[in-house]
Amino acid sequence: MCRNIKTLANFEPPATDAEVHASALQFVRKLSGTTKPSRANELAFERAVEKVEAAARELIDSLLINATPKNRELEAEKAKARSAKRFGT
């Protein structure tokens, strides 16, 4: 799994379309091995991002989760603390 793809399910507020798109883009970049496709592959790349984005949104919206939604700000603070501990910043 690509480290830049974040968990988007079970958050309050829910994942935005921009977050889902960013995750889809990262996933397609990882699969294709490139951050920017050539002109010849641009259409296929964009089509793949659209399809992955749609599938991700459908999955997130249809998951039945019994756990209490996570607080986005609190989870971001925890991630920053882990990063600071890991990298000593």
Protein backbone atom coordinates (compact mmCIF):
# COMPACT_ATOMS: atom_id res chain seq x y z
CA MET A 1 0.00 0.00 0.00
CA CYS A 2 1.26 3.43 -0.84
CA ARG A 3 2.03 5.39 2.31
CA ASN A 4 0.46 8.55 0.88
CA ILE A 5 -2.98 6.97 0.60
CA LYS A 6 -4.88 7.71 3.80
CA THR A 7 -7.82 5.90 5.34
CA LEU A 8 -10.98 7.76 4.36
CA ALA A 9 -13.73 5.64 5.88
CA ASN A 10 -15.41 6.33 9.23
CA PHE A 11 -14.43 9.97 9.72
CA GLU A 12 -16.48 12.91 10.86
CA PRO A 13 -16.81 14.97 8.76
CA PRO A 14 -16.85 12.40 5.92
CA ALA A 15 -14.16 12.27 3.24
CA THR A 16 -14.45 15.05 0.70
CA ASP A 17 -14.48 14.50 -3.05
CA ALA A 18 -11.04 16.13 -3.18
CA GLU A 19 -9.64 13.60 -0.69
CA VAL A 20 -11.11 10.67 -2.61
CA HIS A 21 -9.70 12.06 -5.87
CA ALA A 22 -6.25 12.54 -4.30
CA SER A 23 -6.23 8.94 -3.06
CA ALA A 24 -7.34 7.65 -6.46
CA LEU A 25 -4.60 9.67 -8.16
CA GLN A 26 -1.95 8.33 -5.76
CA PHE A 27 -3.17 4.77 -6.34
CA VAL A 28 -3.01 5.11 -10.15
CA ARG A 29 0.42 6.74 -9.91
CA LYS A 30 1.65 3.82 -7.82
CA LEU A 31 0.21 1.24 -10.22
CA SER A 32 1.53 2.97 -13.33
CA GLY A 33 4.93 3.80 -11.87
CA THR A 34 4.73 7.41 -12.98
CA THR A 35 3.56 10.67 -11.49
CA LYS A 36 2.87 12.24 -14.87
CA PRO A 37 1.95 10.10 -17.85
CA SER A 38 3.22 10.75 -21.36
CA ARG A 39 0.82 12.39 -23.81
CA ALA A 40 0.19 9.00 -25.37
CA ASN A 41 -0.94 7.61 -22.00
CA GLU A 42 -2.67 10.69 -20.61
CA LEU A 43 -6.22 9.62 -21.52
CA ALA A 44 -5.77 6.10 -20.12
CA PHE A 45 -4.26 7.55 -16.92
CA GLU A 46 -7.12 10.02 -16.40
CA ARG A 47 -9.73 7.38 -17.17
CA ALA A 48 -8.15 5.09 -14.58
CA VAL A 49 -8.18 7.86 -11.96
CA GLU A 50 -11.89 8.49 -12.64
CA LYS A 51 -12.76 4.81 -12.33
CA VAL A 52 -10.75 4.30 -9.15
CA GLU A 53 -12.26 7.46 -7.67
CA ALA A 54 -15.80 6.25 -8.44
CA ALA A 55 -15.09 2.82 -6.97
CA ALA A 56 -13.52 4.33 -3.85
CA ARG A 57 -16.46 6.68 -3.31
CA GLU A 58 -18.93 3.82 -3.78
CA LEU A 59 -17.02 1.70 -1.27
CA ILE A 60 -16.75 4.45 1.34
CA ASP A 61 -20.42 5.37 1.01
CA SER A 62 -21.65 1.78 1.27
CA LEU A 63 -19.54 0.54 4.19
CA LEU A 64 -21.54 -0.34 7.30
CA ILE A 65 -19.37 0.64 10.24
CA ASN A 66 -20.55 0.23 13.82
CA ALA A 67 -17.64 2.07 15.39
CA THR A 68 -17.91 5.71 16.39
CA PRO A 69 -16.59 7.96 13.61
CA LYS A 70 -13.03 9.18 14.16
CA ASN A 71 -12.37 12.86 14.67
CA ARG A 72 -10.36 14.11 11.70
CA GLU A 73 -8.49 16.79 13.68
CA LEU A 74 -7.58 14.43 16.52
CA GLU A 75 -6.28 11.81 14.06
CA ALA A 76 -4.19 14.49 12.29
CA GLU A 77 -2.66 15.52 15.63
CA LYS A 78 -1.81 11.88 16.41
CA ALA A 79 -0.16 11.49 13.00
CA LYS A 80 1.93 14.63 13.55
CA ALA A 81 3.04 13.35 16.96
CA ARG A 82 4.04 9.98 15.45
CA SER A 83 5.95 11.76 12.70
CA ALA A 84 7.75 14.02 15.16
CA LYS A 85 8.72 11.01 17.28
CA ARG A 86 9.85 9.03 14.23
CA PHE A 87 11.85 11.80 12.56
CA GLY A 88 12.87 13.74 15.68
CA THR A 89 11.41 17.06 14.55
